[in-house]
Amino acid sequence: DVKTVSSCTHVVTDRVRRTAKFLSGLSQCNNVVHYSYIIESHRAGCWLDVTNFTLKDDAAEKKWGFTLKESIGRAQKQKFLDGVSVFE
Protein backbone atom coordinates (compact mmCIF):
# COMPACT_ATOMS: atom_id res chain seq x y z
CA ASP A 1 0.00 0.00 0.00
CA VAL A 2 1.61 3.25 -1.17
CA LYS A 3 1.20 6.18 1.23
CA THR A 4 3.45 8.78 -0.44
CA VAL A 5 4.65 9.44 -3.95
CA SER A 6 8.27 9.16 -2.80
CA SER A 7 7.75 5.43 -2.22
CA CYS A 8 6.33 4.82 -5.72
CA THR A 9 8.35 2.81 -8.20
CA HIS A 10 6.02 2.89 -11.24
CA VAL A 11 3.37 5.12 -12.76
CA VAL A 12 0.77 2.95 -14.49
CA THR A 13 -1.69 4.61 -16.89
CA ASP A 14 -3.16 4.48 -20.37
CA ARG A 15 -2.08 7.99 -21.38
CA VAL A 16 -0.33 11.15 -20.24
CA ARG A 17 -2.44 13.17 -17.86
CA ARG A 18 -2.04 16.63 -16.38
CA THR A 19 -3.11 15.62 -12.89
CA ALA A 20 -1.30 16.09 -9.59
CA LYS A 21 -0.93 12.31 -9.18
CA PHE A 22 0.53 11.76 -12.64
CA LEU A 23 2.92 14.71 -12.49
CA SER A 24 4.04 13.83 -8.96
CA GLY A 25 4.65 10.25 -10.05
CA LEU A 26 6.56 11.42 -13.10
CA SER A 27 8.83 13.50 -10.88
CA GLN A 28 9.61 10.52 -8.59
CA CYS A 29 9.37 7.29 -10.58
CA ASN A 30 11.80 5.78 -13.04
CA ASN A 31 9.10 3.75 -14.77
CA VAL A 32 6.06 5.21 -16.54
CA VAL A 33 4.26 2.28 -18.12
CA HIS A 34 1.04 1.45 -19.94
CA TYR A 35 -1.47 -0.48 -17.83
CA SER A 36 -1.01 -3.50 -20.10
CA TYR A 37 2.22 -4.05 -18.12
CA ILE A 38 0.11 -5.21 -15.16
CA ILE A 39 -2.16 -7.40 -17.29
CA GLU A 40 0.66 -9.10 -19.21
CA SER A 41 2.77 -9.59 -16.07
CA HIS A 42 -0.20 -11.26 -14.39
CA ARG A 43 -0.65 -13.58 -17.37
CA ALA A 44 3.06 -14.45 -17.32
CA GLY A 45 3.04 -15.06 -13.57
CA CYS A 46 5.96 -12.68 -12.98
CA TRP A 47 6.91 -9.06 -13.46
CA LEU A 48 7.97 -8.51 -17.05
CA ASP A 49 10.63 -6.13 -18.33
CA VAL A 50 9.15 -2.62 -18.15
CA THR A 51 11.02 -1.45 -21.25
CA ASN A 52 8.48 -3.26 -23.41
CA PHE A 53 5.64 -1.31 -21.78
CA THR A 54 7.03 2.22 -21.54
CA LEU A 55 4.16 4.64 -22.04
CA LYS A 56 3.90 6.26 -25.46
CA ASP A 57 1.43 9.09 -26.02
CA ASP A 58 2.35 10.96 -29.20
CA ALA A 59 -0.86 13.03 -29.16
CA ALA A 60 -0.21 14.43 -25.66
CA GLU A 61 3.45 15.08 -26.43
CA LYS A 62 2.49 17.04 -29.53
CA LYS A 63 -0.36 18.88 -27.79
CA TRP A 64 1.75 19.99 -24.81
CA GLY A 65 5.10 20.27 -26.62
CA PHE A 66 7.25 17.86 -24.64
CA THR A 67 8.89 14.45 -24.94
CA LEU A 68 7.94 11.97 -22.22
CA LYS A 69 11.21 10.05 -22.53
CA GLU A 70 13.24 13.25 -22.04
CA SER A 71 11.07 14.32 -19.10
CA ILE A 72 11.60 10.97 -17.39
CA GLY A 73 15.34 11.25 -18.01
CA ARG A 74 15.48 14.72 -16.45
CA ALA A 75 13.47 13.53 -13.45
CA GLN A 76 15.90 10.63 -12.95
CA LYS A 77 18.90 12.97 -12.97
CA GLN A 78 17.50 15.51 -10.52
CA LYS A 79 14.41 15.17 -8.36
CA PHE A 80 11.90 18.01 -8.36
CA LEU A 81 13.09 20.93 -6.19
CA ASP A 82 16.18 18.96 -5.13
CA GLY A 83 18.63 21.43 -3.63
CA VAL A 84 16.19 24.34 -3.88
CA SER A 85 15.43 26.34 -0.76
CA VAL A 86 11.82 27.47 -0.80
CA PHE A 87 11.67 29.02 2.67
CA GLU A 88 14.54 30.73 4.41
PDB file of N, CA and C in Angstrom:
ATOM      1  N   ASP A   1       0.847  -1.179   0.000  1.00  0.00           N
ATOM      2  CA  ASP A   1       0.000   0.000   0.000  1.00  0.00           C
ATOM      3  C   ASP A   1       0.889   1.237   0.000  1.00  0.00           C
ATOM      4  N   VAL A   2       0.783   2.061  -1.020  1.00  0.00           N
ATOM      5  CA  VAL A   2       1.608   3.251  -1.171  1.00  0.00           C
ATOM      6  C   VAL A   2       0.952   4.421  -0.447  1.00  0.00           C
ATOM      7  N   LYS A   3       1.717   5.044   0.452  1.00  0.00           N
ATOM      8  CA  LYS A   3       1.198   6.185   1.226  1.00  0.00           C
ATOM      9  C   LYS A   3       1.698   7.518   0.690  1.00  0.00           C
ATOM     10  N   THR A   4       2.889   7.532   0.096  1.00  0.00           N
ATOM     11  CA  THR A   4       3.445   8.777  -0.439  1.00  0.00           C
ATOM     12  C   THR A   4       4.048   8.525  -1.815  1.00  0.00           C
ATOM     13  N   VAL A   5       4.110   9.576  -2.596  1.00  0.00           N
ATOM     14  CA  VAL A   5       4.651   9.443  -3.951  1.00  0.00           C
ATOM     15  C   VAL A   5       6.134   9.090  -3.922  1.00  0.00           C
ATOM     16  N   SER A   6       6.841   9.463  -2.871  1.00  0.00           N
ATOM     17  CA  SER A   6       8.273   9.161  -2.802  1.00  0.00           C
ATOM     18  C   SER A   6       8.554   7.667  -2.687  1.00  0.00           C
ATOM     19  N   SER A   7       7.546   6.871  -2.302  1.00  0.00           N
ATOM     20  CA  SER A   7       7.748   5.429  -2.220  1.00  0.00           C
ATOM     21  C   SER A   7       7.273   4.695  -3.478  1.00  0.00           C
ATOM     22  N   CYS A   8       6.792   5.432  -4.468  1.00  0.00           N
ATOM     23  CA  CYS A   8       6.328   4.822  -5.715  1.00  0.00           C
ATOM     24  C   CYS A   8       7.512   4.386  -6.574  1.00  0.00           C
ATOM     25  N   THR A   9       7.324   3.287  -7.273  1.00  0.00           N
ATOM     26  CA  THR A   9       8.352   2.808  -8.204  1.00  0.00           C
ATOM     27  C   THR A   9       7.897   2.882  -9.650  1.00  0.00           C
ATOM     28  N   HIS A  10       6.570   2.889  -9.886  1.00  0.00           N
ATOM     29  CA  HIS A  10       6.024   2.890 -11.240  1.00  0.00           C
ATOM     30  C   HIS A  10       4.800   3.808 -11.299  1.00  0.00           C
ATOM     31  N   VAL A  11       4.623   4.455 -12.439  1.00  0.00           N
ATOM     32  CA  VAL A  11       3.365   5.123 -12.765  1.00  0.00           C
ATOM     33  C   VAL A  11       2.715   4.250 -13.829  1.00  0.00           C
ATOM     34  N   VAL A  12       1.482   3.832 -13.572  1.00  0.00           N
ATOM     35  CA  VAL A  12       0.769   2.948 -14.485  1.00  0.00           C
ATOM     36  C   VAL A  12      -0.471   3.680 -14.981  1.00  0.00           C
ATOM     37  N   THR A  13      -0.593   3.833 -16.310  1.00  0.00           N
ATOM     38  CA  THR A  13      -1.688   4.607 -16.890  1.00  0.00           C
ATOM     39  C   THR A  13      -1.891   4.205 -18.344  1.00  0.00           C
ATOM     40  N   ASP A  14      -2.925   4.744 -18.956  1.00  0.00           N
ATOM     41  CA  ASP A  14      -3.155   4.479 -20.372  1.00  0.00           C
ATOM     42  C   ASP A  14      -2.716   5.646 -21.248  1.00  0.00           C
ATOM     43  N   ARG A  15      -2.492   6.817 -20.608  1.00  0.00           N
ATOM     44  CA  ARG A  15      -2.083   7.992 -21.384  1.00  0.00           C
ATOM     45  C   ARG A  15      -1.507   9.040 -20.438  1.00  0.00           C
ATOM     46  N   VAL A  16      -0.845  10.020 -21.016  1.00  0.00           N
ATOM     47  CA  VAL A  16      -0.326  11.147 -20.240  1.00  0.00           C
ATOM     48  C   VAL A  16      -1.503  11.961 -19.724  1.00  0.00           C
ATOM     49  N   ARG A  17      -1.394  12.357 -18.474  1.00  0.00           N
ATOM     50  CA  ARG A  17      -2.442  13.172 -17.863  1.00  0.00           C
ATOM     51  C   ARG A  17      -1.800  14.380 -17.198  1.00  0.00           C
ATOM     52  N   ARG A  18      -2.543  15.442 -17.075  1.00  0.00           N
ATOM     53  CA  ARG A  18      -2.043  16.629 -16.378  1.00  0.00           C
ATOM     54  C   ARG A  18      -2.729  16.718 -15.018  1.00  0.00           C
ATOM     55  N   THR A  19      -2.542  15.662 -14.224  1.00  0.00           N
ATOM     56  CA  THR A  19      -3.112  15.616 -12.888  1.00  0.00           C
ATOM     57  C   THR A  19      -1.978  15.673 -11.874  1.00  0.00           C
ATOM     58  N   ALA A  20      -2.304  16.041 -10.655  1.00  0.00           N
ATOM     59  CA  ALA A  20      -1.297  16.091  -9.593  1.00  0.00           C
ATOM     60  C   ALA A  20      -0.663  14.720  -9.378  1.00  0.00           C
ATOM     61  N   LYS A  21      -1.472  13.663  -9.400  1.00  0.00           N
ATOM     62  CA  LYS A  21      -0.935  12.312  -9.177  1.00  0.00           C
ATOM     63  C   LYS A  21       0.041  11.908 -10.284  1.00  0.00           C
ATOM     64  N   PHE A  22      -0.348  12.148 -11.535  1.00  0.00           N
ATOM     65  CA  PHE A  22       0.528  11.755 -12.639  1.00  0.00           C
ATOM     66  C   PHE A  22       1.829  12.558 -12.605  1.00  0.00           C
ATOM     67  N   LEU A  23       1.726  13.869 -12.468  1.00  0.00           N
ATOM     68  CA  LEU A  23       2.917  14.714 -12.494  1.00  0.00           C
ATOM     69  C   LEU A  23       3.816  14.460 -11.291  1.00  0.00           C
ATOM     70  N   SER A  24       3.234  14.189 -10.130  1.00  0.00           N
ATOM     71  CA  SER A  24       4.036  13.831  -8.958  1.00  0.00           C
ATOM     72  C   SER A  24       4.754  12.510  -9.199  1.00  0.00           C
ATOM     73  N   GLY A  25       4.044  11.541  -9.735  1.00  0.00           N
ATOM     74  CA  GLY A  25       4.649  10.252 -10.045  1.00  0.00           C
ATOM     75  C   GLY A  25       5.764  10.380 -11.059  1.00  0.00           C
ATOM     76  N   LEU A  26       5.545  11.189 -12.063  1.00  0.00           N
ATOM     77  CA  LEU A  26       6.557  11.418 -13.097  1.00  0.00           C
ATOM     78  C   LEU A  26       7.827  12.002 -12.491  1.00  0.00           C
ATOM     79  N   SER A  27       7.666  12.865 -11.504  1.00  0.00           N
ATOM     80  CA  SER A  27       8.835  13.498 -10.885  1.00  0.00           C
ATOM     81  C   SER A  27       9.604  12.538  -9.977  1.00  0.00           C
ATOM     82  N   GLN A  28       8.992  11.437  -9.561  1.00  0.00           N
ATOM     83  CA  GLN A  28       9.612  10.525  -8.594  1.00  0.00           C
ATOM     84  C   GLN A  28       9.965   9.149  -9.140  1.00  0.00           C
ATOM     85  N   CYS A  29       9.236   8.683 -10.133  1.00  0.00           N
ATOM     86  CA  CYS A  29       9.372   7.290 -10.582  1.00  0.00           C
ATOM     87  C   CYS A  29      10.255   7.162 -11.815  1.00  0.00           C
ATOM     88  N   ASN A  30      10.967   6.068 -11.871  1.00  0.00           N
ATOM     89  CA  ASN A  30      11.800   5.783 -13.036  1.00  0.00           C
ATOM     90  C   ASN A  30      11.026   5.086 -14.143  1.00  0.00           C
ATOM     91  N   ASN A  31       9.853   4.554 -13.819  1.00  0.00           N
ATOM     92  CA  ASN A  31       9.098   3.753 -14.774  1.00  0.00           C
ATOM     93  C   ASN A  31       7.698   4.317 -14.966  1.00  0.00           C
ATOM     94  N   VAL A  32       7.408   4.753 -16.179  1.00  0.00           N
ATOM     95  CA  VAL A  32       6.060   5.208 -16.539  1.00  0.00           C
ATOM     96  C   VAL A  32       5.596   4.239 -17.621  1.00  0.00           C
ATOM     97  N   VAL A  33       4.643   3.387 -17.252  1.00  0.00           N
ATOM     98  CA  VAL A  33       4.264   2.275 -18.123  1.00  0.00           C
ATOM     99  C   VAL A  33       2.775   2.271 -18.426  1.00  0.00           C
ATOM    100  N   HIS A  34       2.445   1.645 -19.556  1.00  0.00           N
ATOM    101  CA  HIS A  34       1.044   1.446 -19.942  1.00  0.00           C
ATOM    102  C   HIS A  34       0.458   0.378 -19.022  1.00  0.00           C
ATOM    103  N   TYR A  35      -0.841   0.476 -18.746  1.00  0.00           N
ATOM    104  CA  TYR A  35      -1.471  -0.478 -17.829  1.00  0.00           C
ATOM    105  C   TYR A  35      -1.403  -1.928 -18.321  1.00  0.00           C
ATOM    106  N   SER A  36      -1.146  -2.132 -19.590  1.00  0.00           N
ATOM    107  CA  SER A  36      -1.009  -3.498 -20.104  1.00  0.00           C
ATOM    108  C   SER A  36       0.181  -4.215 -19.452  1.00  0.00           C
ATOM    109  N   TYR A  37       1.102  -3.460 -18.866  1.00  0.00           N
ATOM    110  CA  TYR A  37       2.218  -4.051 -18.122  1.00  0.00           C
ATOM    111  C   TYR A  37       1.696  -4.934 -16.990  1.00  0.00           C
ATOM    112  N   ILE A  38       0.695  -4.456 -16.268  1.00  0.00           N
ATOM    113  CA  ILE A  38       0.113  -5.208 -15.163  1.00  0.00           C
ATOM    114  C   ILE A  38      -0.598  -6.466 -15.687  1.00  0.00           C
ATOM    115  N   ILE A  39      -1.386  -6.287 -16.724  1.00  0.00           N
ATOM    116  CA  ILE A  39      -2.158  -7.403 -17.288  1.00  0.00           C
ATOM    117  C   ILE A  39      -1.234  -8.500 -17.813  1.00  0.00           C
ATOM    118  N   GLU A  40      -0.247  -8.107 -18.605  1.00  0.00           N
ATOM    119  CA  GLU A  40       0.660  -9.098 -19.206  1.00  0.00           C
ATOM    120  C   GLU A  40       1.559  -9.750 -18.158  1.00  0.00           C
ATOM    121  N   SER A  41       1.968  -9.008 -17.146  1.00  0.00           N
ATOM    122  CA  SER A  41       2.768  -9.591 -16.069  1.00  0.00           C
ATOM    123  C   SER A  41       1.943 -10.615 -15.302  1.00  0.00           C
ATOM    124  N   HIS A  42       0.683 -10.308 -15.077  1.00  0.00           N
ATOM    125  CA  HIS A  42      -0.203 -11.260 -14.385  1.00  0.00           C
ATOM    126  C   HIS A  42      -0.345 -12.548 -15.210  1.00  0.00           C
ATOM    127  N   ARG A  43      -0.542 -12.394 -16.500  1.00  0.00           N
ATOM    128  CA  ARG A  43      -0.652 -13.576 -17.373  1.00  0.00           C
ATOM    129  C   ARG A  43       0.612 -14.426 -17.351  1.00  0.00           C
ATOM    130  N   ALA A  44       1.769 -13.744 -17.298  1.00  0.00           N
ATOM    131  CA  ALA A  44       3.058 -14.447 -17.316  1.00  0.00           C
ATOM    132  C   ALA A  44       3.403 -15.052 -15.952  1.00  0.00           C
ATOM    133  N   GLY A  45       2.750 -14.558 -14.914  1.00  0.00           N
ATOM    134  CA  GLY A  45       3.039 -15.064 -13.572  1.00  0.00           C
ATOM    135  C   GLY A  45       4.277 -14.458 -12.938  1.00  0.00           C
ATOM    136  N   CYS A  46       4.796 -13.383 -13.539  1.00  0.00           N
ATOM    137  CA  CYS A  46       5.958 -12.683 -12.984  1.00  0.00           C
ATOM    138  C   CYS A  46       5.999 -11.276 -13.571  1.00  0.00           C
ATOM    139  N   TRP A  47       6.778 -10.413 -12.919  1.00  0.00           N
ATOM    140  CA  TRP A  47       6.912  -9.060 -13.456  1.00  0.00           C
ATOM    141  C   TRP A  47       7.774  -9.091 -14.701  1.00  0.00           C
ATOM    142  N   LEU A  48       7.251  -8.559 -15.775  1.00  0.00           N
ATOM    143  CA  LEU A  48       7.968  -8.513 -17.049  1.00  0.00           C
ATOM    144  C   LEU A  48       8.877  -7.292 -17.102  1.00  0.00           C
ATOM    145  N   ASP A  49       9.726  -7.256 -18.107  1.00  0.00           N
ATOM    146  CA  ASP A  49      10.626  -6.128 -18.325  1.00  0.00           C
ATOM    147  C   ASP A  49       9.794  -4.891 -18.684  1.00  0.00           C
ATOM    148  N   VAL A  50       9.964  -3.825 -17.931  1.00  0.00           N
ATOM    149  CA  VAL A  50       9.153  -2.616 -18.149  1.00  0.00           C
ATOM    150  C   VAL A  50       9.463  -1.914 -19.471  1.00  0.00           C
ATOM    151  N   THR A  51      10.648  -2.158 -20.026  1.00  0.00           N
ATOM    152  CA  THR A  51      11.016  -1.447 -21.251  1.00  0.00           C
ATOM    153  C   THR A  51      10.076  -1.754 -22.410  1.00  0.00           C
ATOM    154  N   ASN A  52       9.436  -2.906 -22.356  1.00  0.00           N
ATOM    155  CA  ASN A  52       8.483  -3.262 -23.408  1.00  0.00           C
ATOM    156  C   ASN A  52       7.123  -2.596 -23.225  1.00  0.00           C
ATOM    157  N   PHE A  53       6.933  -1.904 -22.098  1.00  0.00           N
ATOM    158  CA  PHE A  53       5.637  -1.307 -21.781  1.00  0.00           C
ATOM    159  C   PHE A  53       5.734   0.186 -21.473  1.00  0.00           C
ATOM    160  N   THR A  54       6.866   0.790 -21.785  1.00  0.00           N
ATOM    161  CA  THR A  54       7.028   2.221 -21.544  1.00  0.00           C
ATOM    162  C   THR A  54       5.909   2.979 -22.237  1.00  0.00           C
ATOM    163  N   LEU A  55       5.297   3.894 -21.510  1.00  0.00           N
ATOM    164  CA  LEU A  55       4.161   4.642 -22.041  1.00  0.00           C
ATOM    165  C   LEU A  55       4.565   5.470 -23.262  1.00  0.00           C
ATOM    166  N   LYS A  56       3.733   5.427 -24.272  1.00  0.00           N
ATOM    167  CA  LYS A  56       3.895   6.261 -25.462  1.00  0.00           C
ATOM    168  C   LYS A  56       2.576   6.984 -25.688  1.00  0.00           C
ATOM    169  N   ASP A  57       2.641   8.294 -25.796  1.00  0.00           N
ATOM    170  CA  ASP A  57       1.435   9.094 -26.016  1.00  0.00           C
ATOM    171  C   ASP A  57       1.803  10.264 -26.926  1.00  0.00           C
ATOM    172  N   ASP A  58       1.929   9.960 -28.221  1.00  0.00           N
ATOM    173  CA  ASP A  58       2.346  10.958 -29.200  1.00  0.00           C
ATOM    174  C   ASP A  58       1.409  12.157 -29.242  1.00  0.00           C
ATOM    175  N   ALA A  59       0.116  11.927 -29.095  1.00  0.00           N
ATOM    176  CA  ALA A  59      -0.855  13.026 -29.162  1.00  0.00           C
ATOM    177  C   ALA A  59      -0.635  14.027 -28.029  1.00  0.00           C
ATOM    178  N   ALA A  60      -0.432  13.527 -26.812  1.00  0.00           N
ATOM    179  CA  ALA A  60      -0.209  14.426 -25.664  1.00  0.00           C
ATOM    180  C   ALA A  60       1.123  15.155 -25.797  1.00  0.00           C
ATOM    181  N   GLU A  61       2.143  14.450 -26.258  1.00  0.00           N
ATOM    182  CA  GLU A  61       3.449  15.078 -26.431  1.00  0.00           C
ATOM    183  C   GLU A  61       3.367  16.217 -27.437  1.00  0.00           C
ATOM    184  N   LYS A  62       2.655  16.001 -28.517  1.00  0.00           N
ATOM    185  CA  LYS A  62       2.492  17.042 -29.529  1.00  0.00           C
ATOM    186  C   LYS A  62       1.649  18.195 -28.978  1.00  0.00           C
ATOM    187  N   LYS A  63       0.556  17.868 -28.318  1.00  0.00           N
ATOM    188  CA  LYS A  63      -0.356  18.883 -27.785  1.00  0.00           C
ATOM    189  C   LYS A  63       0.334  19.799 -26.774  1.00  0.00           C
ATOM    190  N   TRP A  64       1.140  19.209 -25.866  1.00  0.00           N
ATOM    191  CA  TRP A  64       1.755  19.990 -24.807  1.00  0.00           C
ATOM    192  C   TRP A  64       3.226  20.296 -25.060  1.00  0.00           C
ATOM    193  N   GLY A  65       3.751  19.900 -26.208  1.00  0.00           N
ATOM    194  CA  GLY A  65       5.100  20.273 -26.617  1.00  0.00           C
ATOM    195  C   GLY A  65       6.215  19.742 -25.723  1.00  0.00           C
ATOM    196  N   PHE A  66       6.188  18.458 -25.436  1.00  0.00           N
ATOM    197  CA  PHE A  66       7.251  17.857 -24.638  1.00  0.00           C
ATOM    198  C   PHE A  66       7.510  16.441 -25.131  1.00  0.00           C
ATOM    199  N   THR A  67       8.570  15.836 -24.637  1.00  0.00           N
ATOM    200  CA  THR A  67       8.888  14.450 -24.941  1.00  0.00           C
ATOM    201  C   THR A  67       8.931  13.690 -23.624  1.00  0.00           C
ATOM    202  N   LEU A  68       8.057  12.716 -23.469  1.00  0.00           N
ATOM    203  CA  LEU A  68       7.945  11.969 -22.216  1.00  0.00           C
ATOM    204  C   LEU A  68       9.269  11.320 -21.844  1.00  0.00           C
ATOM    205  N   LYS A  69       9.936  10.718 -22.799  1.00  0.00           N
ATOM    206  CA  LYS A  69      11.211  10.048 -22.528  1.00  0.00           C
ATOM    207  C   LYS A  69      12.237  11.031 -21.963  1.00  0.00           C
ATOM    208  N   GLU A  70      12.309  12.235 -22.531  1.00  0.00           N
ATOM    209  CA  GLU A  70      13.242  13.251 -22.035  1.00  0.00           C
ATOM    210  C   GLU A  70      12.837  13.729 -20.640  1.00  0.00           C
ATOM    211  N   SER A  71      11.549  13.883 -20.410  1.00  0.00           N
ATOM    212  CA  SER A  71      11.068  14.317 -19.097  1.00  0.00           C
ATOM    213  C   SER A  71      11.411  13.302 -18.022  1.00  0.00           C
ATOM    214  N   ILE A  72      11.249  12.032 -18.338  1.00  0.00           N
ATOM    215  CA  ILE A  72      11.598  10.967 -17.387  1.00  0.00           C
ATOM    216  C   ILE A  72      13.102  10.997 -17.121  1.00  0.00           C
ATOM    217  N   GLY A  73      13.882  11.177 -18.164  1.00  0.00           N
ATOM    218  CA  GLY A  73      15.336  11.251 -18.015  1.00  0.00           C
ATOM    219  C   GLY A  73      15.772  12.401 -17.121  1.00  0.00           C
ATOM    220  N   ARG A  74      15.161  13.571 -17.302  1.00  0.00           N
ATOM    221  CA  ARG A  74      15.481  14.724 -16.448  1.00  0.00           C
ATOM    222  C   ARG A  74      15.089  14.455 -15.002  1.00  0.00           C
ATOM    223  N   ALA A  75      13.936  13.833 -14.801  1.00  0.00           N
ATOM    224  CA  ALA A  75      13.467  13.528 -13.448  1.00  0.00           C
ATOM    225  C   ALA A  75      14.388  12.528 -12.760  1.00  0.00           C
ATOM    226  N   GLN A  76      14.978  11.614 -13.521  1.00  0.00           N
ATOM    227  CA  GLN A  76      15.897  10.634 -12.946  1.00  0.00           C
ATOM    228  C   GLN A  76      17.209  11.286 -12.528  1.00  0.00           C
ATOM    229  N   LYS A  77      17.639  12.297 -13.270  1.00  0.00           N
ATOM    230  CA  LYS A  77      18.903  12.974 -12.972  1.00  0.00           C
ATOM    231  C   LYS A  77      18.788  13.884 -11.756  1.00  0.00           C
ATOM    232  N   GLN A  78      17.678  14.592 -11.643  1.00  0.00           N
ATOM    233  CA  GLN A  78      17.496  15.508 -10.520  1.00  0.00           C
ATOM    234  C   GLN A  78      16.030  15.518 -10.120  1.00  0.00           C
ATOM    235  N   LYS A  79      15.775  15.183  -8.862  1.00  0.00           N
ATOM    236  CA  LYS A  79      14.409  15.167  -8.356  1.00  0.00           C
ATOM    237  C   LYS A  79      13.873  16.589  -8.261  1.00  0.00           C
ATOM    238  N   PHE A  80      12.582  16.724  -8.397  1.00  0.00           N
ATOM    239  CA  PHE A  80      11.897  18.013  -8.364  1.00  0.00           C
ATOM    240  C   PHE A  80      12.262  18.779  -7.094  1.00  0.00           C
ATOM    241  N   LEU A  81      12.699  20.011  -7.259  1.00  0.00           N
ATOM    242  CA  LEU A  81      13.087  20.932  -6.191  1.00  0.00           C
ATOM    243  C   LEU A  81      14.269  20.454  -5.360  1.00  0.00           C
ATOM    244  N   ASP A  82      14.999  19.448  -5.835  1.00  0.00           N
ATOM    245  CA  ASP A  82      16.179  18.956  -5.128  1.00  0.00           C
ATOM    246  C   ASP A  82      17.220  20.059  -5.048  1.00  0.00           C
ATOM    247  N   GLY A  83      17.632  20.403  -3.832  1.00  0.00           N
ATOM    248  CA  GLY A  83      18.632  21.427  -3.635  1.00  0.00           C
ATOM    249  C   GLY A  83      18.092  22.848  -3.685  1.00  0.00           C
ATOM    250  N   VAL A  84      16.793  23.010  -3.815  1.00  0.00           N
ATOM    251  CA  VAL A  84      16.192  24.340  -3.880  1.00  0.00           C
ATOM    252  C   VAL A  84      15.622  24.689  -2.510  1.00  0.00           C
ATOM    253  N   SER A  85      15.977  25.866  -2.030  1.00  0.00           N
ATOM    254  CA  SER A  85      15.432  26.339  -0.761  1.00  0.00           C
ATOM    255  C   SER A  85      14.205  27.193  -1.059  1.00  0.00           C
ATOM    256  N   VAL A  86      13.054  26.755  -0.556  1.00  0.00           N
ATOM    257  CA  VAL A  86      11.820  27.473  -0.803  1.00  0.00           C
ATOM    258  C   VAL A  86      11.580  28.500   0.294  1.00  0.00           C
ATOM    259  N   PHE A  87      11.849  28.123   1.532  1.00  0.00           N
ATOM    260  CA  PHE A  87      11.670  29.021   2.673  1.00  0.00           C
ATOM    261  C   PHE A  87      13.012  29.219   3.351  1.00  0.00           C
ATOM    262  N   GLU A  88      13.276  30.451   3.716  1.00  0.00           N
ATOM    263  CA  GLU A  88      14.543  30.732   4.407  1.00  0.00           C
ATOM    264  C   GLU A  88      14.290  31.363   5.734  1.00  0.00           C
TER     265      GLU A  88
END
